[in-house]
Amino acid sequence: PNFVDQLAEFARIYEVDLRRIEIELTEDVAL
């Protein structure tokens, strides 16, 4: 449940536009 907040926190700390980040997950998780 903390993953989304952590993403936003990393973006703030390192001043990275989140449009420059892509998350990859495997099909078994999506399934």
Full PDB file with SEQRES, HELIX, SHEET, SSBOND, CRYST1, ORIGX, SCALE, CONECT and MASTER records, all heavy atoms in Angstrom:
SEQRES   1 A   31  PRO ASN PHE VAL ASP GLN LEU ALA GLU PHE ALA ARG ILE          
SEQRES   2 A   31  TYR GLU VAL ASP LEU ARG ARG ILE GLU ILE GLU LEU THR          
SEQRES   3 A   31  GLU ASP VAL ALA LEU                                          
HELIX    1 AA1 PHE A    3  TYR A   14  1                                  12    
HELIX    2 AA2 LEU A   18  ARG A   20  5                                   3    
HELIX    3 AA3 GLU A   27  ALA A   30  1                                   4    
CRYST1    1.000    1.000    1.000  90.00  90.00  90.00 P 1           1          
ORIGX1      1.000000  0.000000  0.000000        0.00000                         
ORIGX2      0.000000  1.000000  0.000000        0.00000                         
ORIGX3      0.000000  0.000000  1.000000        0.00000                         
SCALE1      1.000000  0.000000  0.000000        0.00000                         
SCALE2      0.000000  1.000000  0.000000        0.00000                         
SCALE3      0.000000  0.000000  1.000000        0.00000                         
ATOM      1  N   PRO A   1       0.806  -1.230   0.000  1.00  0.00           N  
ATOM      2  CA  PRO A   1       0.000   0.000   0.000  1.00  0.00           C  
ATOM      3  C   PRO A   1       0.835   1.275   0.000  1.00  0.00           C  
ATOM      4  O   PRO A   1       0.324   2.358  -0.300  1.00  0.00           O  
ATOM      5  CB  PRO A   1      -0.830  -0.115   1.292  1.00  0.00           C  
ATOM      6  CG  PRO A   1      -0.059  -1.054   2.167  1.00  0.00           C  
ATOM      7  CD  PRO A   1       0.616  -2.019   1.234  1.00  0.00           C  
ATOM      8  N   ASN A   2       2.132   1.165   0.323  1.00  0.00           N  
ATOM      9  CA  ASN A   2       2.999   2.349   0.358  1.00  0.00           C  
ATOM     10  C   ASN A   2       3.734   2.595  -0.954  1.00  0.00           C  
ATOM     11  O   ASN A   2       4.485   3.570  -1.064  1.00  0.00           O  
ATOM     12  CB  ASN A   2       4.033   2.200   1.482  1.00  0.00           C  
ATOM     13  CG  ASN A   2       3.378   2.087   2.853  1.00  0.00           C  
ATOM     14  OD1 ASN A   2       2.460   2.840   3.166  1.00  0.00           O  
ATOM     15  ND2 ASN A   2       3.841   1.141   3.651  1.00  0.00           N  
ATOM     16  N   PHE A   3       3.536   1.721  -1.944  1.00  0.00           N  
ATOM     17  CA  PHE A   3       4.341   1.802  -3.165  1.00  0.00           C  
ATOM     18  C   PHE A   3       4.109   3.116  -3.922  1.00  0.00           C  
ATOM     19  O   PHE A   3       5.066   3.764  -4.358  1.00  0.00           O  
ATOM     20  CB  PHE A   3       4.047   0.619  -4.077  1.00  0.00           C  
ATOM     21  CG  PHE A   3       4.884   0.607  -5.328  1.00  0.00           C  
ATOM     22  CD1 PHE A   3       6.214   0.214  -5.285  1.00  0.00           C  
ATOM     23  CD2 PHE A   3       4.357   1.013  -6.544  1.00  0.00           C  
ATOM     24  CE1 PHE A   3       6.999   0.219  -6.424  1.00  0.00           C  
ATOM     25  CE2 PHE A   3       5.136   1.022  -7.689  1.00  0.00           C  
ATOM     26  CZ  PHE A   3       6.450   0.618  -7.628  1.00  0.00           C  
ATOM     27  N   VAL A   4       2.864   3.526  -4.078  1.00  0.00           N  
ATOM     28  CA  VAL A   4       2.560   4.742  -4.847  1.00  0.00           C  
ATOM     29  C   VAL A   4       3.168   5.965  -4.157  1.00  0.00           C  
ATOM     30  O   VAL A   4       3.774   6.826  -4.819  1.00  0.00           O  
ATOM     31  CB  VAL A   4       1.037   4.901  -5.019  1.00  0.00           C  
ATOM     32  CG1 VAL A   4       0.715   6.239  -5.692  1.00  0.00           C  
ATOM     33  CG2 VAL A   4       0.477   3.757  -5.857  1.00  0.00           C  
ATOM     34  N   ASP A   5       3.025   6.030  -2.844  1.00  0.00           N  
ATOM     35  CA  ASP A   5       3.615   7.156  -2.109  1.00  0.00           C  
ATOM     36  C   ASP A   5       5.141   7.161  -2.240  1.00  0.00           C  
ATOM     37  O   ASP A   5       5.765   8.229  -2.339  1.00  0.00           O  
ATOM     38  CB  ASP A   5       3.233   7.073  -0.630  1.00  0.00           C  
ATOM     39  CG  ASP A   5       1.761   7.369  -0.394  1.00  0.00           C  
ATOM     40  OD1 ASP A   5       1.132   7.988  -1.273  1.00  0.00           O  
ATOM     41  OD2 ASP A   5       1.237   6.962   0.659  1.00  0.00           O  
ATOM     42  N   GLN A   6       5.747   5.965  -2.255  1.00  0.00           N  
ATOM     43  CA  GLN A   6       7.200   5.889  -2.380  1.00  0.00           C  
ATOM     44  C   GLN A   6       7.657   6.350  -3.758  1.00  0.00           C  
ATOM     45  O   GLN A   6       8.710   7.005  -3.896  1.00  0.00           O  
ATOM     46  CB  GLN A   6       7.683   4.470  -2.113  1.00  0.00           C  
ATOM     47  CG  GLN A   6       9.188   4.333  -1.989  1.00  0.00           C  
ATOM     48  CD  GLN A   6       9.770   5.119  -0.832  1.00  0.00           C  
ATOM     49  OE1 GLN A   6       9.532   4.800   0.322  1.00  0.00           O  
ATOM     50  NE2 GLN A   6      10.525   6.165  -1.144  1.00  0.00           N  
ATOM     51  N   LEU A   7       6.892   6.011  -4.787  1.00  0.00           N  
ATOM     52  CA  LEU A   7       7.190   6.506  -6.138  1.00  0.00           C  
ATOM     53  C   LEU A   7       7.225   8.036  -6.149  1.00  0.00           C  
ATOM     54  O   LEU A   7       8.161   8.651  -6.670  1.00  0.00           O  
ATOM     55  CB  LEU A   7       6.123   6.019  -7.117  1.00  0.00           C  
ATOM     56  CG  LEU A   7       6.355   4.743  -7.922  1.00  0.00           C  
ATOM     57  CD1 LEU A   7       5.127   4.446  -8.774  1.00  0.00           C  
ATOM     58  CD2 LEU A   7       7.579   4.854  -8.811  1.00  0.00           C  
ATOM     59  N   ALA A   8       6.184   8.635  -5.583  1.00  0.00           N  
ATOM     60  CA  ALA A   8       6.097  10.095  -5.557  1.00  0.00           C  
ATOM     61  C   ALA A   8       7.243  10.691  -4.739  1.00  0.00           C  
ATOM     62  O   ALA A   8       7.794  11.747  -5.095  1.00  0.00           O  
ATOM     63  CB  ALA A   8       4.747  10.519  -4.978  1.00  0.00           C  
ATOM     64  N   GLU A   9       7.623  10.020  -3.645  1.00  0.00           N  
ATOM     65  CA  GLU A   9       8.710  10.517  -2.806  1.00  0.00           C  
ATOM     66  C   GLU A   9      10.046  10.471  -3.535  1.00  0.00           C  
ATOM     67  O   GLU A   9      10.842  11.425  -3.470  1.00  0.00           O  
ATOM     68  CB  GLU A   9       8.773   9.697  -1.515  1.00  0.00           C  
ATOM     69  CG  GLU A   9       9.853  10.133  -0.541  1.00  0.00           C  
ATOM     70  CD  GLU A   9       9.635  11.521   0.048  1.00  0.00           C  
ATOM     71  OE1 GLU A   9       8.556  12.116  -0.187  1.00  0.00           O  
ATOM     72  OE2 GLU A   9      10.544  12.019   0.731  1.00  0.00           O  
ATOM     73  N   PHE A  10      10.322   9.385  -4.246  1.00  0.00           N  
ATOM     74  CA  PHE A  10      11.561   9.303  -5.025  1.00  0.00           C  
ATOM     75  C   PHE A  10      11.599  10.401  -6.095  1.00  0.00           C  
ATOM     76  O   PHE A  10      12.656  11.000  -6.352  1.00  0.00           O  
ATOM     77  CB  PHE A  10      11.696   7.929  -5.678  1.00  0.00           C  
ATOM     78  CG  PHE A  10      12.123   6.825  -4.742  1.00  0.00           C  
ATOM     79  CD1 PHE A  10      11.737   5.510  -4.965  1.00  0.00           C  
ATOM     80  CD2 PHE A  10      12.925   7.090  -3.643  1.00  0.00           C  
ATOM     81  CE1 PHE A  10      12.127   4.486  -4.105  1.00  0.00           C  
ATOM     82  CE2 PHE A  10      13.327   6.083  -2.775  1.00  0.00           C  
ATOM     83  CZ  PHE A  10      12.922   4.776  -3.006  1.00  0.00           C  
ATOM     84  N   ALA A  11      10.452  10.642  -6.722  1.00  0.00           N  
ATOM     85  CA  ALA A  11      10.394  11.695  -7.751  1.00  0.00           C  
ATOM     86  C   ALA A  11      10.705  13.060  -7.145  1.00  0.00           C  
ATOM     87  O   ALA A  11      11.393  13.882  -7.767  1.00  0.00           O  
ATOM     88  CB  ALA A  11       9.012  11.706  -8.397  1.00  0.00           C  
ATOM     89  N   ARG A  12      10.216  13.311  -5.914  1.00  0.00           N  
ATOM     90  CA  ARG A  12      10.470  14.588  -5.248  1.00  0.00           C  
ATOM     91  C   ARG A  12      11.946  14.713  -4.858  1.00  0.00           C  
ATOM     92  O   ARG A  12      12.581  15.745  -5.111  1.00  0.00           O  
ATOM     93  CB  ARG A  12       9.584  14.698  -4.007  1.00  0.00           C  
ATOM     94  CG  ARG A  12       9.711  16.035  -3.270  1.00  0.00           C  
ATOM     95  CD  ARG A  12       9.025  15.996  -1.922  1.00  0.00           C  
ATOM     96  NE  ARG A  12       9.666  15.075  -1.000  1.00  0.00           N  
ATOM     97  CZ  ARG A  12      10.784  15.349  -0.329  1.00  0.00           C  
ATOM     98  NH1 ARG A  12      11.406  16.520  -0.496  1.00  0.00           N  
ATOM     99  NH2 ARG A  12      11.306  14.453   0.489  1.00  0.00           N  
ATOM    100  N   ILE A  13      12.495  13.649  -4.256  1.00  0.00           N  
ATOM    101  CA  ILE A  13      13.885  13.696  -3.780  1.00  0.00           C  
ATOM    102  C   ILE A  13      14.860  13.900  -4.933  1.00  0.00           C  
ATOM    103  O   ILE A  13      15.795  14.721  -4.840  1.00  0.00           O  
ATOM    104  CB  ILE A  13      14.226  12.393  -3.027  1.00  0.00           C  
ATOM    105  CG1 ILE A  13      13.437  12.301  -1.723  1.00  0.00           C  
ATOM    106  CG2 ILE A  13      15.733  12.311  -2.743  1.00  0.00           C  
ATOM    107  CD1 ILE A  13      13.567  10.959  -1.025  1.00  0.00           C  
ATOM    108  N   TYR A  14      14.648  13.186  -6.035  1.00  0.00           N  
ATOM    109  CA  TYR A  14      15.622  13.212  -7.135  1.00  0.00           C  
ATOM    110  C   TYR A  14      15.203  14.146  -8.274  1.00  0.00           C  
ATOM    111  O   TYR A  14      15.897  14.225  -9.292  1.00  0.00           O  
ATOM    112  CB  TYR A  14      15.849  11.789  -7.658  1.00  0.00           C  
ATOM    113  CG  TYR A  14      16.485  10.899  -6.605  1.00  0.00           C  
ATOM    114  CD1 TYR A  14      15.723   9.958  -5.909  1.00  0.00           C  
ATOM    115  CD2 TYR A  14      17.821  11.044  -6.259  1.00  0.00           C  
ATOM    116  CE1 TYR A  14      16.291   9.166  -4.923  1.00  0.00           C  
ATOM    117  CE2 TYR A  14      18.401  10.261  -5.268  1.00  0.00           C  
ATOM    118  CZ  TYR A  14      17.627   9.326  -4.604  1.00  0.00           C  
ATOM    119  OH  TYR A  14      18.198   8.551  -3.618  1.00  0.00           O  
ATOM    120  N   GLU A  15      14.067  14.838  -8.091  1.00  0.00           N  
ATOM    121  CA  GLU A  15      13.587  15.820  -9.069  1.00  0.00           C  
ATOM    122  C   GLU A  15      13.478  15.207 -10.466  1.00  0.00           C  
ATOM    123  O   GLU A  15      13.991  15.734 -11.455  1.00  0.00           O  
ATOM    124  CB  GLU A  15      14.524  17.045  -9.084  1.00  0.00           C  
ATOM    125  CG  GLU A  15      14.616  17.733  -7.730  1.00  0.00           C  
ATOM    126  CD  GLU A  15      15.600  18.903  -7.763  1.00  0.00           C  
ATOM    127  OE1 GLU A  15      16.633  18.789  -8.471  1.00  0.00           O  
ATOM    128  OE2 GLU A  15      15.352  19.918  -7.096  1.00  0.00           O  
ATOM    129  N   VAL A  16      12.792  14.064 -10.519  1.00  0.00           N  
ATOM    130  CA  VAL A  16      12.609  13.340 -11.777  1.00  0.00           C  
ATOM    131  C   VAL A  16      11.150  13.414 -12.196  1.00  0.00           C  
ATOM    132  O   VAL A  16      10.244  13.172 -11.383  1.00  0.00           O  
ATOM    133  CB  VAL A  16      13.038  11.862 -11.621  1.00  0.00           C  
ATOM    134  CG1 VAL A  16      12.643  11.045 -12.851  1.00  0.00           C  
ATOM    135  CG2 VAL A  16      14.546  11.775 -11.391  1.00  0.00           C  
ATOM    136  N   ASP A  17      10.918  13.776 -13.435  1.00  0.00           N  
ATOM    137  CA  ASP A  17       9.569  13.767 -14.002  1.00  0.00           C  
ATOM    138  C   ASP A  17       9.101  12.311 -14.100  1.00  0.00           C  
ATOM    139  O   ASP A  17       9.754  11.490 -14.751  1.00  0.00           O  
ATOM    140  CB  ASP A  17       9.607  14.412 -15.386  1.00  0.00           C  
ATOM    141  CG  ASP A  17       8.217  14.564 -16.004  1.00  0.00           C  
ATOM    142  OD1 ASP A  17       7.268  13.895 -15.533  1.00  0.00           O  
ATOM    143  OD2 ASP A  17       8.093  15.338 -16.975  1.00  0.00           O  
ATOM    144  N   LEU A  18       7.986  11.997 -13.445  1.00  0.00           N  
ATOM    145  CA  LEU A  18       7.522  10.601 -13.422  1.00  0.00           C  
ATOM    146  C   LEU A  18       7.125  10.080 -14.799  1.00  0.00           C  
ATOM    147  O   LEU A  18       6.974   8.876 -14.988  1.00  0.00           O  
ATOM    148  CB  LEU A  18       6.355  10.465 -12.439  1.00  0.00           C  
ATOM    149  CG  LEU A  18       6.782  10.409 -10.962  1.00  0.00           C  
ATOM    150  CD1 LEU A  18       5.586  10.536 -10.044  1.00  0.00           C  
ATOM    151  CD2 LEU A  18       7.538   9.124 -10.679  1.00  0.00           C  
ATOM    152  N   ARG A  19       6.985  10.981 -15.760  1.00  0.00           N  
ATOM    153  CA  ARG A  19       6.738  10.513 -17.131  1.00  0.00           C  
ATOM    154  C   ARG A  19       7.978   9.858 -17.731  1.00  0.00           C  
ATOM    155  O   ARG A  19       7.900   9.223 -18.782  1.00  0.00           O  
ATOM    156  CB  ARG A  19       6.277  11.683 -18.007  1.00  0.00           C  
ATOM    157  CG  ARG A  19       4.874  12.185 -17.673  1.00  0.00           C  
ATOM    158  CD  ARG A  19       4.519  13.429 -18.455  1.00  0.00           C  
ATOM    159  NE  ARG A  19       5.400  14.551 -18.114  1.00  0.00           N  
ATOM    160  CZ  ARG A  19       5.301  15.768 -18.661  1.00  0.00           C  
ATOM    161  NH1 ARG A  19       4.365  16.008 -19.573  1.00  0.00           N  
ATOM    162  NH2 ARG A  19       6.124  16.736 -18.296  1.00  0.00           N  
ATOM    163  N   ARG A  20       9.116  10.010 -17.040  1.00  0.00           N  
ATOM    164  CA  ARG A  20      10.361   9.363 -17.475  1.00  0.00           C  
ATOM    165  C   ARG A  20      10.534   7.971 -16.869  1.00  0.00           C  
ATOM    166  O   ARG A  20      11.573   7.337 -17.084  1.00  0.00           O  
ATOM    167  CB  ARG A  20      11.566  10.230 -17.077  1.00  0.00           C  
ATOM    168  CG  ARG A  20      11.572  11.623 -17.683  1.00  0.00           C  
ATOM    169  CD  ARG A  20      11.841  11.570 -19.162  1.00  0.00           C  
ATOM    170  NE  ARG A  20      11.821  12.897 -19.762  1.00  0.00           N  
ATOM    171  CZ  ARG A  20      11.857  13.126 -21.073  1.00  0.00           C  
ATOM    172  NH1 ARG A  20      11.928  12.091 -21.889  1.00  0.00           N  
ATOM    173  NH2 ARG A  20      11.827  14.345 -21.551  1.00  0.00           N  
ATOM    174  N   ILE A  21       9.545   7.507 -16.116  1.00  0.00           N  
ATOM    175  CA  ILE A  21       9.637   6.210 -15.448  1.00  0.00           C  
ATOM    176  C   ILE A  21       8.540   5.277 -15.964  1.00  0.00           C  
ATOM    177  O   ILE A  21       7.390   5.687 -16.128  1.00  0.00           O  
ATOM    178  CB  ILE A  21       9.503   6.359 -13.917  1.00  0.00           C  
ATOM    179  CG1 ILE A  21      10.591   7.285 -13.368  1.00  0.00           C  
ATOM    180  CG2 ILE A  21       9.542   4.997 -13.230  1.00  0.00           C  
ATOM    181  CD1 ILE A  21      12.014   6.760 -13.527  1.00  0.00           C  
ATOM    182  N   GLU A  22       8.929   4.031 -16.208  1.00  0.00           N  
ATOM    183  CA  GLU A  22       7.966   3.003 -16.614  1.00  0.00           C  
ATOM    184  C   GLU A  22       8.118   1.803 -15.682  1.00  0.00           C  
ATOM    185  O   GLU A  22       9.236   1.379 -15.378  1.00  0.00           O  
ATOM    186  CB  GLU A  22       8.205   2.568 -18.059  1.00  0.00           C  
ATOM    187  CG  GLU A  22       7.221   1.516 -18.558  1.00  0.00           C  
ATOM    188  CD  GLU A  22       7.406   1.228 -20.039  1.00  0.00           C  
ATOM    189  OE1 GLU A  22       8.464   0.679 -20.410  1.00  0.00           O  
ATOM    190  OE2 GLU A  22       6.493   1.570 -20.830  1.00  0.00           O  
ATOM    191  N   ILE A  23       6.994   1.286 -15.214  1.00  0.00           N  
ATOM    192  CA  ILE A  23       6.974   0.107 -14.358  1.00  0.00           C  
ATOM    193  C   ILE A  23       6.620  -1.109 -15.211  1.00  0.00           C  
ATOM    194  O   ILE A  23       5.642  -1.090 -15.959  1.00  0.00           O  
ATOM    195  CB  ILE A  23       5.944   0.271 -13.221  1.00  0.00           C  
ATOM    196  CG1 ILE A  23       6.339   1.424 -12.300  1.00  0.00           C  
ATOM    197  CG2 ILE A  23       5.787  -1.030 -12.444  1.00  0.00           C  
ATOM    198  CD1 ILE A  23       7.634   1.211 -11.566  1.00  0.00           C  
ATOM    199  N   GLU A  24       7.423  -2.175 -15.108  1.00  0.00           N  
ATOM    200  CA  GLU A  24       7.146  -3.406 -15.844  1.00  0.00           C  
ATOM    201  C   GLU A  24       6.680  -4.485 -14.873  1.00  0.00           C  
ATOM    202  O   GLU A  24       7.291  -4.700 -13.828  1.00  0.00           O  
ATOM    203  CB  GLU A  24       8.399  -3.892 -16.580  1.00  0.00           C  
ATOM    204  CG  GLU A  24       8.871  -2.961 -17.674  1.00  0.00           C  
ATOM    205  CD  GLU A  24      10.011  -3.560 -18.488  1.00  0.00           C  
ATOM    206  OE1 GLU A  24      10.300  -4.763 -18.305  1.00  0.00           O  
ATOM    207  OE2 GLU A  24      10.609  -2.824 -19.293  1.00  0.00           O  
ATOM    208  N   LEU A  25       5.589  -5.161 -15.222  1.00  0.00           N  
ATOM    209  CA  LEU A  25       5.137  -6.302 -14.443  1.00  0.00           C  
ATOM    210  C   LEU A  25       4.890  -7.474 -15.374  1.00  0.00           C  
ATOM    211  O   LEU A  25       4.656  -7.294 -16.576  1.00  0.00           O  
ATOM    212  CB  LEU A  25       3.872  -5.987 -13.646  1.00  0.00           C  
ATOM    213  CG  LEU A  25       2.606  -5.621 -14.412  1.00  0.00           C  
ATOM    214  CD1 LEU A  25       1.379  -6.010 -13.585  1.00  0.00           C  
ATOM    215  CD2 LEU A  25       2.554  -4.116 -14.677  1.00  0.00           C  
ATOM    216  N   THR A  26       4.957  -8.677 -14.834  1.00  0.00           N  
ATOM    217  CA  THR A  26       4.806  -9.872 -15.660  1.00  0.00           C  
ATOM    218  C   THR A  26       3.335 -10.226 -15.833  1.00  0.00           C  
ATOM    219  O   THR A  26       2.478  -9.808 -15.054  1.00  0.00           O  
ATOM    220  CB  THR A  26       5.544 -11.062 -15.031  1.00  0.00           C  
ATOM    221  OG1 THR A  26       5.086 -11.248 -13.693  1.00  0.00           O  
ATOM    222  CG2 THR A  26       7.049 -10.814 -15.024  1.00  0.00           C  
ATOM    223  N   GLU A  27       3.071 -11.041 -16.857  1.00  0.00           N  
ATOM    224  CA  GLU A  27       1.696 -11.410 -17.171  1.00  0.00           C  
ATOM    225  C   GLU A  27       1.014 -12.175 -16.050  1.00  0.00           C  
ATOM    226  O   GLU A  27      -0.183 -12.043 -15.852  1.00  0.00           O  
ATOM    227  CB  GLU A  27       1.673 -12.278 -18.439  1.00  0.00           C  
ATOM    228  CG  GLU A  27       1.524 -11.481 -19.697  1.00  0.00           C  
ATOM    229  CD  GLU A  27       1.194 -12.382 -20.866  1.00  0.00           C  
ATOM    230  OE1 GLU A  27       1.788 -13.461 -20.986  1.00  0.00           O  
ATOM    231  OE2 GLU A  27       0.330 -11.996 -21.655  1.00  0.00           O  
ATOM    232  N   ASP A  28       1.756 -12.996 -15.320  1.00  0.00           N  
ATOM    233  CA  ASP A  28       1.113 -13.781 -14.278  1.00  0.00           C  
ATOM    234  C   ASP A  28       0.533 -12.883 -13.193  1.00  0.00           C  
ATOM    235  O   ASP A  28      -0.504 -13.194 -12.604  1.00  0.00           O  
ATOM    236  CB  ASP A  28       2.092 -14.795 -13.672  1.00  0.00           C  
ATOM    237  CG  ASP A  28       3.323 -14.146 -13.098  1.00  0.00           C  
ATOM    238  OD1 ASP A  28       3.775 -13.136 -13.662  1.00  0.00           O  
ATOM    239  OD2 ASP A  28       3.846 -14.645 -12.091  1.00  0.00           O  
ATOM    240  N   VAL A  29       1.179 -11.730 -12.945  1.00  0.00           N  
ATOM    241  CA  VAL A  29       0.642 -10.775 -11.973  1.00  0.00           C  
ATOM    242  C   VAL A  29      -0.603 -10.105 -12.534  1.00  0.00           C  
ATOM    243  O   VAL A  29      -1.630  -9.985 -11.866  1.00  0.00           O  
ATOM    244  CB  VAL A  29       1.696  -9.722 -11.600  1.00  0.00           C  
ATOM    245  CG1 VAL A  29       1.099  -8.657 -10.688  1.00  0.00           C  
ATOM    246  CG2 VAL A  29       2.886 -10.378 -10.933  1.00  0.00           C  
ATOM    247  N   ALA A  30      -0.528  -9.678 -13.788  1.00  0.00           N  
ATOM    248  CA  ALA A  30      -1.683  -9.038 -14.418  1.00  0.00           C  
ATOM    249  C   ALA A  30      -2.866  -9.992 -14.511  1.00  0.00           C  
ATOM    250  O   ALA A  30      -4.020  -9.592 -14.397  1.00  0.00           O  
ATOM    251  CB  ALA A  30      -1.304  -8.537 -15.812  1.00  0.00           C  
ATOM    252  N   LEU A  31      -2.557 -11.279 -14.713  1.00  0.00           N  
ATOM    253  CA  LEU A  31      -3.597 -12.288 -14.881  1.00  0.00           C  
ATOM    254  C   LEU A  31      -4.458 -12.423 -13.635  1.00  0.00           C  
ATOM    255  O   LEU A  31      -5.641 -12.754 -13.720  1.00  0.00           O  
ATOM    256  CB  LEU A  31      -2.962 -13.638 -15.221  1.00  0.00           C  
ATOM    257  CG  LEU A  31      -3.894 -14.803 -15.569  1.00  0.00           C  
ATOM    258  CD1 LEU A  31      -4.670 -14.505 -16.836  1.00  0.00           C  
ATOM    259  CD2 LEU A  31      -3.096 -16.086 -15.716  1.00  0.00           C  
TER     260      LEU A  31                                                      
MASTER        0    0    0    3    0    0    0    6  259    1    0    3          
END                                                                             
